[in-house]
């Protein structure tokens, strides 16, 4: 493997790691752009986006969001007052055993519509 293909492979892995970090953070609830970037930097270090700033950072972040949609089938939408939230999962990233799903279903019956975080 030559050096350029090694770099491309590493790049794809770094993009995937950033994307999964963004998805993981939005699973916790709505997040502003800076919250998502902070999660990425905390996970991957200060060079997660190659030390870019300004419009270059915005472009890379937007490309990550596009990759999340196109490659992972997860639609992130920005909602005023909430930040980025997951609107559509496409294919779920979770594969829980039946017993765990039954436990979650039971817990769901305990929450009525007006209970905080019932969704």
C-alpha atoms as a PDB file:
ATOM      1  CA  UNK A   1       0.000   0.000   0.000  1.00  0.00           C
ATOM      2  CA  UNK A   2       1.501   3.340  -0.977  1.00  0.00           C
ATOM      3  CA  UNK A   3       1.514   6.397   1.259  1.00  0.00           C
ATOM      4  CA  UNK A   4      -1.339   8.183  -0.554  1.00  0.00           C
ATOM      5  CA  UNK A   5      -3.758   5.247  -0.200  1.00  0.00           C
ATOM      6  CA  UNK A   6      -2.771   4.895   3.467  1.00  0.00           C
ATOM      7  CA  UNK A   7      -3.681   8.554   3.971  1.00  0.00           C
ATOM      8  CA  UNK A   8      -7.049   8.092   2.213  1.00  0.00           C
ATOM      9  CA  UNK A   9      -7.898   5.089   4.408  1.00  0.00           C
ATOM     10  CA  UNK A  10      -6.953   6.970   7.561  1.00  0.00           C
ATOM     11  CA  UNK A  11      -9.029   9.899   6.338  1.00  0.00           C
ATOM     12  CA  UNK A  12     -12.124   7.745   5.862  1.00  0.00           C
ATOM     13  CA  UNK A  13     -11.714   6.284   9.338  1.00  0.00           C
ATOM     14  CA  UNK A  14     -11.356   9.750  10.835  1.00  0.00           C
ATOM     15  CA  UNK A  15     -14.475  10.921   8.998  1.00  0.00           C
ATOM     16  CA  UNK A  16     -16.375   7.854  10.221  1.00  0.00           C
ATOM     17  CA  UNK A  17     -15.197   8.437  13.789  1.00  0.00           C
ATOM     18  CA  UNK A  18     -16.312  12.085  13.629  1.00  0.00           C
ATOM     19  CA  UNK A  19     -19.679  11.090  12.155  1.00  0.00           C
ATOM     20  CA  UNK A  20     -20.325   8.440  14.798  1.00  0.00           C
ATOM     21  CA  UNK A  21     -19.360  10.911  17.520  1.00  0.00           C
ATOM     22  CA  UNK A  22     -21.855  13.430  16.136  1.00  0.00           C
ATOM     23  CA  UNK A  23     -24.594  10.770  15.998  1.00  0.00           C
ATOM     24  CA  UNK A  24     -23.791   9.601  19.534  1.00  0.00           C
ATOM     25  CA  UNK A  25     -23.988  13.180  20.841  1.00  0.00           C
ATOM     26  CA  UNK A  26     -27.319  13.889  19.102  1.00  0.00           C
ATOM     27  CA  UNK A  27     -28.745  10.704  20.641  1.00  0.00           C
ATOM     28  CA  UNK A  28     -28.405  12.460  23.992  1.00  0.00           C
ATOM     29  CA  UNK A  29     -30.661  15.291  22.803  1.00  0.00           C
ATOM     30  CA  UNK A  30     -30.579  18.395  20.671  1.00  0.00           C
ATOM     31  CA  UNK A  31     -27.150  19.937  20.232  1.00  0.00           C
ATOM     32  CA  UNK A  32     -25.889  23.171  18.749  1.00  0.00           C
ATOM     33  CA  UNK A  33     -23.059  23.042  16.211  1.00  0.00           C
ATOM     34  CA  UNK A  34     -20.488  24.005  18.855  1.00  0.00           C
ATOM     35  CA  UNK A  35     -21.736  21.210  21.142  1.00  0.00           C
ATOM     36  CA  UNK A  36     -21.213  18.689  18.345  1.00  0.00           C
ATOM     37  CA  UNK A  37     -17.766  20.068  17.526  1.00  0.00           C
ATOM     38  CA  UNK A  38     -16.824  19.955  21.210  1.00  0.00           C
ATOM     39  CA  UNK A  39     -17.869  16.301  21.375  1.00  0.00           C
ATOM     40  CA  UNK A  40     -15.717  15.528  18.330  1.00  0.00           C
ATOM     41  CA  UNK A  41     -12.709  17.384  19.759  1.00  0.00           C
ATOM     42  CA  UNK A  42     -13.149  15.692  23.135  1.00  0.00           C
ATOM     43  CA  UNK A  43     -13.234  12.262  21.473  1.00  0.00           C
ATOM     44  CA  UNK A  44     -10.572  12.763  18.811  1.00  0.00           C
ATOM     45  CA  UNK A  45      -8.413  15.615  20.006  1.00  0.00           C
ATOM     46  CA  UNK A  46      -7.862  19.166  18.813  1.00  0.00           C
ATOM     47  CA  UNK A  47      -6.751  18.054  15.350  1.00  0.00           C
ATOM     48  CA  UNK A  48      -9.987  16.173  14.604  1.00  0.00           C
ATOM     49  CA  UNK A  49     -10.717  18.570  11.752  1.00  0.00           C
ATOM     50  CA  UNK A  50      -7.097  19.128  10.810  1.00  0.00           C
ATOM     51  CA  UNK A  51      -6.867  22.348  12.849  1.00  0.00           C
ATOM     52  CA  UNK A  52      -9.229  24.139  10.443  1.00  0.00           C
ATOM     53  CA  UNK A  53     -11.253  27.157  11.508  1.00  0.00           C
ATOM     54  CA  UNK A  54     -13.876  29.486  10.073  1.00  0.00           C
ATOM     55  CA  UNK A  55     -15.502  28.630   6.761  1.00  0.00           C
ATOM     56  CA  UNK A  56     -13.146  25.667   6.162  1.00  0.00           C
ATOM     57  CA  UNK A  57     -14.331  24.109   9.438  1.00  0.00           C
ATOM     58  CA  UNK A  58     -17.957  24.805   8.504  1.00  0.00           C
ATOM     59  CA  UNK A  59     -17.471  23.044   5.146  1.00  0.00           C
ATOM     60  CA  UNK A  60     -15.919  19.978   6.784  1.00  0.00           C
ATOM     61  CA  UNK A  61     -18.679  19.835   9.413  1.00  0.00           C
ATOM     62  CA  UNK A  62     -21.324  20.115   6.676  1.00  0.00           C
ATOM     63  CA  UNK A  63     -19.616  17.301   4.727  1.00  0.00           C
ATOM     64  CA  UNK A  64     -19.738  15.143   7.860  1.00  0.00           C
ATOM     65  CA  UNK A  65     -23.480  15.829   8.165  1.00  0.00           C
ATOM     66  CA  UNK A  66     -23.890  14.872   4.495  1.00  0.00           C
ATOM     67  CA  UNK A  67     -21.951  11.641   5.116  1.00  0.00           C
ATOM     68  CA  UNK A  68     -24.161  10.854   8.101  1.00  0.00           C
ATOM     69  CA  UNK A  69     -27.205  11.211   5.839  1.00  0.00           C
ATOM     70  CA  UNK A  70     -25.816   9.514   2.724  1.00  0.00           C
ATOM     71  CA  UNK A  71     -23.681   6.743   4.212  1.00  0.00           C
ATOM     72  CA  UNK A  72     -25.418   6.007   7.525  1.00  0.00           C
ATOM     73  CA  UNK A  73     -28.989   6.883   6.512  1.00  0.00           C
ATOM     74  CA  UNK A  74     -29.464   9.178   9.508  1.00  0.00           C
ATOM     75  CA  UNK A  75     -31.138  12.536   8.956  1.00  0.00           C
ATOM     76  CA  UNK A  76     -29.983  15.305  11.281  1.00  0.00           C
ATOM     77  CA  UNK A  77     -32.090  18.450  11.215  1.00  0.00           C
ATOM     78  CA  UNK A  78     -31.560  21.770  12.900  1.00  0.00           C
ATOM     79  CA  UNK A  79     -34.557  22.829  14.996  1.00  0.00           C
ATOM     80  CA  UNK A  80     -34.734  26.302  16.472  1.00  0.00           C
ATOM     81  CA  UNK A  81     -34.446  26.115  20.231  1.00  0.00           C
ATOM     82  CA  UNK A  82     -33.150  22.536  20.199  1.00  0.00           C
ATOM     83  CA  UNK A  83     -30.220  22.469  17.812  1.00  0.00           C
ATOM     84  CA  UNK A  84     -29.451  19.412  15.690  1.00  0.00           C
ATOM     85  CA  UNK A  85     -31.732  16.461  16.351  1.00  0.00           C
ATOM     86  CA  UNK A  86     -32.162  13.059  14.725  1.00  0.00           C
ATOM     87  CA  UNK A  87     -35.250  13.178  12.499  1.00  0.00           C
ATOM     88  CA  UNK A  88     -34.947   9.881  10.651  1.00  0.00           C
ATOM     89  CA  UNK A  89     -32.875   6.797  11.390  1.00  0.00           C
ATOM     90  CA  UNK A  90     -33.153   4.902   8.155  1.00  0.00           C
ATOM     91  CA  UNK A  91     -31.659   1.625   9.386  1.00  0.00           C
ATOM     92  CA  UNK A  92     -31.226   1.437  13.127  1.00  0.00           C
ATOM     93  CA  UNK A  93     -27.704   1.209  14.496  1.00  0.00           C
ATOM     94  CA  UNK A  94     -29.017  -0.741  17.482  1.00  0.00           C
ATOM     95  CA  UNK A  95     -29.336  -4.480  17.678  1.00  0.00           C
ATOM     96  CA  UNK A  96     -30.702  -5.286  21.110  1.00  0.00           C
ATOM     97  CA  UNK A  97     -31.663  -8.715  22.439  1.00  0.00           C
ATOM     98  CA  UNK A  98     -35.413  -9.376  22.752  1.00  0.00           C
ATOM     99  CA  UNK A  99     -35.266  -9.194  26.573  1.00  0.00           C
ATOM    100  CA  UNK A 100     -33.798  -5.687  26.396  1.00  0.00           C
ATOM    101  CA  UNK A 101     -36.420  -4.567  23.883  1.00  0.00           C
ATOM    102  CA  UNK A 102     -39.168  -5.915  26.168  1.00  0.00           C
ATOM    103  CA  UNK A 103     -37.649  -3.989  29.086  1.00  0.00           C
ATOM    104  CA  UNK A 104     -37.611  -0.801  27.041  1.00  0.00           C
ATOM    105  CA  UNK A 105     -41.206  -1.403  25.945  1.00  0.00           C
ATOM    106  CA  UNK A 106     -42.228  -1.796  29.590  1.00  0.00           C
ATOM    107  CA  UNK A 107     -40.473   1.433  30.529  1.00  0.00           C
ATOM    108  CA  UNK A 108     -42.208   3.198  27.636  1.00  0.00           C
ATOM    109  CA  UNK A 109     -45.603   2.272  29.145  1.00  0.00           C
ATOM    110  CA  UNK A 110     -44.632   4.119  32.334  1.00  0.00           C
ATOM    111  CA  UNK A 111     -44.259   7.455  30.535  1.00  0.00           C
ATOM    112  CA  UNK A 112     -47.315   9.410  29.450  1.00  0.00           C
ATOM    113  CA  UNK A 113     -47.159  11.950  26.636  1.00  0.00           C
ATOM    114  CA  UNK A 114     -46.589  14.972  28.885  1.00  0.00           C
ATOM    115  CA  UNK A 115     -43.777  13.355  30.892  1.00  0.00           C
ATOM    116  CA  UNK A 116     -40.397  15.051  30.287  1.00  0.00           C
ATOM    117  CA  UNK A 117     -38.360  13.105  27.687  1.00  0.00           C
ATOM    118  CA  UNK A 118     -41.255  10.683  27.073  1.00  0.00           C
ATOM    119  CA  UNK A 119     -40.319  10.433  23.381  1.00  0.00           C
END
